């Protein structure tokens, strides 16, 4: 698992989800936004590149 997707409770108008990178077995505390299609997110620690498609897959599955 390299991306974690958490849903907000659906009882508020601002309900949405949050993406977090799981780096070397630890969930990073900084929330990630979906990167543009031409510029993937690259983790400075582990070097993994996360593309836009990875975020959509994480949202569908809950995590990837």
C-alpha atoms as a PDB file:
ATOM      1  CA  UNK A   1       0.000   0.000   0.000  1.00  0.00           C
ATOM      2  CA  UNK A   2       1.459   3.356  -0.997  1.00  0.00           C
ATOM      3  CA  UNK A   3      -1.645   5.557  -0.906  1.00  0.00           C
ATOM      4  CA  UNK A   4      -4.269   5.747   1.795  1.00  0.00           C
ATOM      5  CA  UNK A   5      -7.668   7.285   1.090  1.00  0.00           C
ATOM      6  CA  UNK A   6      -9.892   8.258   4.019  1.00  0.00           C
ATOM      7  CA  UNK A   7     -13.491   9.413   3.682  1.00  0.00           C
ATOM      8  CA  UNK A   8     -14.986  12.130   5.849  1.00  0.00           C
ATOM      9  CA  UNK A   9     -18.277  11.325   7.568  1.00  0.00           C
ATOM     10  CA  UNK A  10     -21.096  12.021   5.116  1.00  0.00           C
ATOM     11  CA  UNK A  11     -23.132  14.006   7.626  1.00  0.00           C
ATOM     12  CA  UNK A  12     -21.508  17.345   6.742  1.00  0.00           C
ATOM     13  CA  UNK A  13     -21.767  19.463   3.615  1.00  0.00           C
ATOM     14  CA  UNK A  14     -17.967  19.577   3.302  1.00  0.00           C
ATOM     15  CA  UNK A  15     -17.609  15.785   3.234  1.00  0.00           C
ATOM     16  CA  UNK A  16     -14.781  14.657   0.989  1.00  0.00           C
ATOM     17  CA  UNK A  17     -11.837  12.336   1.076  1.00  0.00           C
ATOM     18  CA  UNK A  18      -8.181  12.723   1.957  1.00  0.00           C
ATOM     19  CA  UNK A  19      -5.117  11.119   0.394  1.00  0.00           C
ATOM     20  CA  UNK A  20      -2.014  10.217   2.395  1.00  0.00           C
ATOM     21  CA  UNK A  21       1.225   8.587   1.260  1.00  0.00           C
ATOM     22  CA  UNK A  22       2.383   5.485   3.121  1.00  0.00           C
ATOM     23  CA  UNK A  23       6.171   5.759   3.078  1.00  0.00           C
ATOM     24  CA  UNK A  24       8.231   2.847   4.361  1.00  0.00           C
ATOM     25  CA  UNK A  25       5.302   1.504   6.364  1.00  0.00           C
ATOM     26  CA  UNK A  26       4.320   4.803   7.976  1.00  0.00           C
ATOM     27  CA  UNK A  27       1.427   7.047   7.030  1.00  0.00           C
ATOM     28  CA  UNK A  28       2.701  10.553   6.290  1.00  0.00           C
ATOM     29  CA  UNK A  29       0.824  13.261   8.215  1.00  0.00           C
ATOM     30  CA  UNK A  30       0.763  15.652   5.228  1.00  0.00           C
ATOM     31  CA  UNK A  31      -2.352  15.328   3.086  1.00  0.00           C
ATOM     32  CA  UNK A  32      -1.691  15.013  -0.655  1.00  0.00           C
ATOM     33  CA  UNK A  33      -3.749  16.534  -3.413  1.00  0.00           C
ATOM     34  CA  UNK A  34      -4.231  14.863  -6.776  1.00  0.00           C
ATOM     35  CA  UNK A  35      -1.280  15.892  -8.951  1.00  0.00           C
ATOM     36  CA  UNK A  36      -1.669  17.218 -12.504  1.00  0.00           C
ATOM     37  CA  UNK A  37      -1.485  14.574 -15.218  1.00  0.00           C
ATOM     38  CA  UNK A  38       1.884  15.838 -16.467  1.00  0.00           C
ATOM     39  CA  UNK A  39       3.594  16.130 -13.062  1.00  0.00           C
ATOM     40  CA  UNK A  40       3.410  13.086 -10.763  1.00  0.00           C
ATOM     41  CA  UNK A  41       4.101  13.351  -7.041  1.00  0.00           C
ATOM     42  CA  UNK A  42       7.555  11.982  -6.169  1.00  0.00           C
ATOM     43  CA  UNK A  43       8.323  11.108  -2.558  1.00  0.00           C
ATOM     44  CA  UNK A  44      11.687  12.585  -1.546  1.00  0.00           C
ATOM     45  CA  UNK A  45      12.240   9.763   0.964  1.00  0.00           C
ATOM     46  CA  UNK A  46      11.390   6.564  -0.922  1.00  0.00           C
ATOM     47  CA  UNK A  47      11.443   7.904  -4.509  1.00  0.00           C
ATOM     48  CA  UNK A  48       8.095   6.421  -5.581  1.00  0.00           C
ATOM     49  CA  UNK A  49       6.158   8.346  -8.219  1.00  0.00           C
ATOM     50  CA  UNK A  50       2.400   8.610  -7.787  1.00  0.00           C
ATOM     51  CA  UNK A  51       0.434   9.617 -10.862  1.00  0.00           C
ATOM     52  CA  UNK A  52      -3.108  10.943 -11.153  1.00  0.00           C
ATOM     53  CA  UNK A  53      -4.406   7.467 -11.992  1.00  0.00           C
ATOM     54  CA  UNK A  54      -2.958   6.073  -8.735  1.00  0.00           C
ATOM     55  CA  UNK A  55      -5.072   8.543  -6.754  1.00  0.00           C
ATOM     56  CA  UNK A  56      -8.284   7.565  -8.575  1.00  0.00           C
ATOM     57  CA  UNK A  57      -7.555   3.869  -8.006  1.00  0.00           C
ATOM     58  CA  UNK A  58      -6.929   4.584  -4.304  1.00  0.00           C
ATOM     59  CA  UNK A  59     -10.256   6.400  -4.096  1.00  0.00           C
ATOM     60  CA  UNK A  60     -12.109   3.489  -5.703  1.00  0.00           C
ATOM     61  CA  UNK A  61     -10.458   0.838  -3.543  1.00  0.00           C
ATOM     62  CA  UNK A  62      -9.974   2.832  -0.362  1.00  0.00           C
ATOM     63  CA  UNK A  63      -6.206   2.351  -0.598  1.00  0.00           C
ATOM     64  CA  UNK A  64      -3.583   1.053  -3.024  1.00  0.00           C
END
